[in-house]
Amino acid sequence: MFSDIMLTDRSGLELAEELRRHRPDLKVLLTSGYSGEHFQLLEGHKKDFGFLEKPYSQTDLLHAIREILDR
C-alpha cells in the first residue's frame, strides 16, 4: 500500500492499520510533505511501515518501494 499520511476522511496510518487487520502481511509505504510532525505519528510503526518524505524523485520512490518489498 502506498498512501499519503494526510487523507480527507482519515490518516494514511489509520487506513494502513485497518487494512493490516485484514491482511497482516501487507507492505506499507507512507509519504508526507510534513515529515516532522507526522513522522511522530509513525513512531510505533517504524519497523513495519516505510516513510518517504516529499518531495521525492521517481528514483527515490522506486528505491523506497524496493526496500519495503524486501523487508
N, C-alpha and C. Protein backbone atom coordinates (compact mmCIF):
# COMPACT_ATOMS: atom_id res chain seq x y z
N MET A 1 0.84 -1.16 0.00
CA MET A 1 0.00 0.00 0.00
C MET A 1 0.90 1.24 0.00
N PHE A 2 0.58 2.20 -0.83
CA PHE A 2 1.30 3.47 -0.86
C PHE A 2 0.27 4.57 -0.67
N SER A 3 0.46 5.39 0.37
CA SER A 3 -0.52 6.43 0.67
C SER A 3 0.15 7.63 1.31
N ASP A 4 -0.47 8.77 1.11
CA ASP A 4 -0.09 9.96 1.86
C ASP A 4 -0.59 9.78 3.29
N ILE A 5 0.08 10.38 4.23
CA ILE A 5 -0.39 10.32 5.62
C ILE A 5 -1.66 11.13 5.77
N MET A 6 -1.76 12.25 5.07
CA MET A 6 -2.93 13.11 5.17
C MET A 6 -3.95 12.75 4.09
N LEU A 7 -5.09 12.21 4.51
CA LEU A 7 -6.19 11.90 3.61
C LEU A 7 -7.39 12.74 4.04
N THR A 8 -8.41 12.80 3.22
CA THR A 8 -9.54 13.66 3.53
C THR A 8 -10.41 13.12 4.66
N ASP A 9 -10.59 11.81 4.76
CA ASP A 9 -11.50 11.27 5.75
C ASP A 9 -10.82 10.58 6.94
N ARG A 10 -9.53 10.35 6.86
CA ARG A 10 -8.73 9.74 7.93
C ARG A 10 -7.27 9.86 7.55
N SER A 11 -6.41 9.35 8.40
CA SER A 11 -4.99 9.41 8.06
C SER A 11 -4.60 8.14 7.30
N GLY A 12 -3.53 8.24 6.55
CA GLY A 12 -2.99 7.08 5.85
C GLY A 12 -2.56 6.01 6.83
N LEU A 13 -2.12 6.43 8.01
CA LEU A 13 -1.73 5.49 9.06
C LEU A 13 -2.95 4.69 9.53
N GLU A 14 -4.08 5.36 9.73
CA GLU A 14 -5.30 4.66 10.13
C GLU A 14 -5.75 3.68 9.04
N LEU A 15 -5.65 4.10 7.78
CA LEU A 15 -6.00 3.23 6.67
C LEU A 15 -5.10 2.00 6.66
N ALA A 16 -3.81 2.21 6.83
CA ALA A 16 -2.87 1.09 6.83
C ALA A 16 -3.17 0.11 7.97
N GLU A 17 -3.46 0.64 9.15
CA GLU A 17 -3.78 -0.23 10.29
C GLU A 17 -5.06 -1.03 10.02
N GLU A 18 -6.06 -0.39 9.42
CA GLU A 18 -7.31 -1.08 9.10
C GLU A 18 -7.07 -2.19 8.09
N LEU A 19 -6.32 -1.90 7.04
CA LEU A 19 -6.04 -2.91 6.01
C LEU A 19 -5.19 -4.04 6.56
N ARG A 20 -4.29 -3.73 7.47
CA ARG A 20 -3.44 -4.75 8.08
C ARG A 20 -4.25 -5.72 8.95
N ARG A 21 -5.37 -5.27 9.49
CA ARG A 21 -6.22 -6.19 10.27
C ARG A 21 -6.77 -7.29 9.37
N HIS A 22 -6.98 -6.99 8.10
CA HIS A 22 -7.49 -7.96 7.14
C HIS A 22 -6.38 -8.71 6.42
N ARG A 23 -5.22 -8.06 6.33
CA ARG A 23 -4.08 -8.67 5.64
C ARG A 23 -2.79 -8.30 6.38
N PRO A 24 -2.45 -9.06 7.40
CA PRO A 24 -1.30 -8.72 8.26
C PRO A 24 0.04 -8.60 7.54
N ASP A 25 0.17 -9.24 6.39
CA ASP A 25 1.45 -9.22 5.66
C ASP A 25 1.55 -8.05 4.68
N LEU A 26 0.56 -7.15 4.70
CA LEU A 26 0.54 -6.02 3.77
C LEU A 26 1.77 -5.12 3.97
N LYS A 27 2.45 -4.82 2.89
CA LYS A 27 3.59 -3.89 2.91
C LYS A 27 3.05 -2.48 2.81
N VAL A 28 3.60 -1.57 3.63
CA VAL A 28 3.07 -0.20 3.70
C VAL A 28 4.19 0.81 3.52
N LEU A 29 3.97 1.75 2.62
CA LEU A 29 4.86 2.88 2.42
C LEU A 29 4.00 4.14 2.48
N LEU A 30 4.32 5.01 3.43
CA LEU A 30 3.58 6.25 3.61
C LEU A 30 4.46 7.43 3.19
N THR A 31 3.81 8.50 2.77
CA THR A 31 4.53 9.70 2.35
C THR A 31 3.85 10.94 2.92
N SER A 32 4.62 12.01 3.05
CA SER A 32 4.08 13.28 3.52
C SER A 32 5.09 14.38 3.24
N GLY A 33 4.56 15.56 3.05
CA GLY A 33 5.40 16.74 2.94
C GLY A 33 5.61 17.40 4.28
N TYR A 34 4.93 16.90 5.30
CA TYR A 34 5.03 17.44 6.66
C TYR A 34 5.71 16.42 7.54
N SER A 35 6.91 16.04 7.21
CA SER A 35 7.58 14.92 7.85
C SER A 35 7.82 15.10 9.34
N GLY A 36 8.15 16.29 9.79
CA GLY A 36 8.48 16.49 11.20
C GLY A 36 7.39 16.06 12.14
N GLU A 37 6.20 16.65 12.01
CA GLU A 37 5.11 16.32 12.92
C GLU A 37 4.47 14.97 12.61
N HIS A 38 4.39 14.60 11.35
CA HIS A 38 3.74 13.36 11.00
C HIS A 38 4.63 12.15 11.23
N PHE A 39 5.93 12.35 11.19
CA PHE A 39 6.82 11.21 11.45
C PHE A 39 6.63 10.75 12.89
N GLN A 40 6.25 11.65 13.78
CA GLN A 40 5.97 11.26 15.17
C GLN A 40 4.79 10.30 15.22
N LEU A 41 3.83 10.43 14.32
CA LEU A 41 2.70 9.51 14.27
C LEU A 41 3.16 8.09 13.96
N LEU A 42 4.25 7.98 13.22
CA LEU A 42 4.77 6.67 12.82
C LEU A 42 5.66 6.04 13.89
N GLU A 43 5.89 6.75 14.97
CA GLU A 43 6.86 6.33 15.99
C GLU A 43 6.73 4.85 16.35
N GLY A 44 5.53 4.37 16.59
CA GLY A 44 5.34 2.97 16.97
C GLY A 44 5.33 2.02 15.80
N HIS A 45 5.43 2.54 14.57
CA HIS A 45 5.31 1.70 13.37
C HIS A 45 6.57 1.73 12.51
N LYS A 46 7.64 2.29 13.00
CA LYS A 46 8.84 2.46 12.16
C LYS A 46 9.34 1.14 11.60
N LYS A 47 9.23 0.06 12.37
CA LYS A 47 9.70 -1.23 11.89
C LYS A 47 8.79 -1.79 10.80
N ASP A 48 7.51 -1.44 10.87
CA ASP A 48 6.53 -2.04 9.99
C ASP A 48 6.22 -1.24 8.73
N PHE A 49 6.26 0.09 8.85
CA PHE A 49 5.87 0.95 7.75
C PHE A 49 7.07 1.74 7.24
N GLY A 50 7.16 1.88 5.94
CA GLY A 50 8.18 2.74 5.36
C GLY A 50 7.66 4.16 5.26
N PHE A 51 8.58 5.10 5.16
CA PHE A 51 8.19 6.50 5.03
C PHE A 51 9.08 7.17 3.99
N LEU A 52 8.45 7.94 3.11
CA LEU A 52 9.15 8.68 2.07
C LEU A 52 8.73 10.14 2.14
N GLU A 53 9.69 11.00 2.44
CA GLU A 53 9.39 12.42 2.58
C GLU A 53 9.23 13.08 1.22
N LYS A 54 8.21 13.94 1.10
CA LYS A 54 8.02 14.74 -0.12
C LYS A 54 8.90 15.97 -0.05
N PRO A 55 9.33 16.49 -1.15
CA PRO A 55 9.20 15.93 -2.49
C PRO A 55 10.21 14.81 -2.69
N TYR A 56 9.87 13.90 -3.57
CA TYR A 56 10.76 12.78 -3.88
C TYR A 56 10.81 12.59 -5.39
N SER A 57 11.88 12.01 -5.82
CA SER A 57 12.04 11.73 -7.25
C SER A 57 11.46 10.34 -7.56
N GLN A 58 11.29 10.07 -8.81
CA GLN A 58 10.83 8.75 -9.23
C GLN A 58 11.82 7.67 -8.76
N THR A 59 13.09 7.98 -8.82
CA THR A 59 14.12 7.03 -8.36
C THR A 59 13.99 6.79 -6.86
N ASP A 60 13.78 7.86 -6.08
CA ASP A 60 13.59 7.70 -4.64
C ASP A 60 12.39 6.80 -4.34
N LEU A 61 11.29 7.01 -5.08
CA LEU A 61 10.10 6.21 -4.89
C LEU A 61 10.38 4.74 -5.20
N LEU A 62 11.05 4.48 -6.29
CA LEU A 62 11.36 3.10 -6.66
C LEU A 62 12.26 2.43 -5.62
N HIS A 63 13.23 3.16 -5.10
CA HIS A 63 14.11 2.60 -4.06
C HIS A 63 13.31 2.31 -2.79
N ALA A 64 12.41 3.20 -2.41
CA ALA A 64 11.61 3.02 -1.20
C ALA A 64 10.67 1.82 -1.36
N ILE A 65 10.09 1.66 -2.53
CA ILE A 65 9.21 0.51 -2.78
C ILE A 65 10.01 -0.79 -2.71
N ARG A 66 11.18 -0.78 -3.33
CA ARG A 66 12.03 -1.98 -3.29
C ARG A 66 12.41 -2.35 -1.86
N GLU A 67 12.75 -1.34 -1.07
CA GLU A 67 13.12 -1.59 0.32
C GLU A 67 11.96 -2.22 1.11
N ILE A 68 10.76 -1.69 0.90
CA ILE A 68 9.58 -2.22 1.59
C ILE A 68 9.30 -3.66 1.15
N LEU A 69 9.39 -3.91 -0.14
CA LEU A 69 9.13 -5.26 -0.63
C LEU A 69 10.17 -6.27 -0.14
N ASP A 70 11.39 -5.82 0.09
CA ASP A 70 12.45 -6.71 0.54
C ASP A 70 12.41 -7.00 2.04
N ARG A 71 11.60 -6.26 2.78
CA ARG A 71 11.52 -6.47 4.23
C ARG A 71 10.89 -7.79 4.57
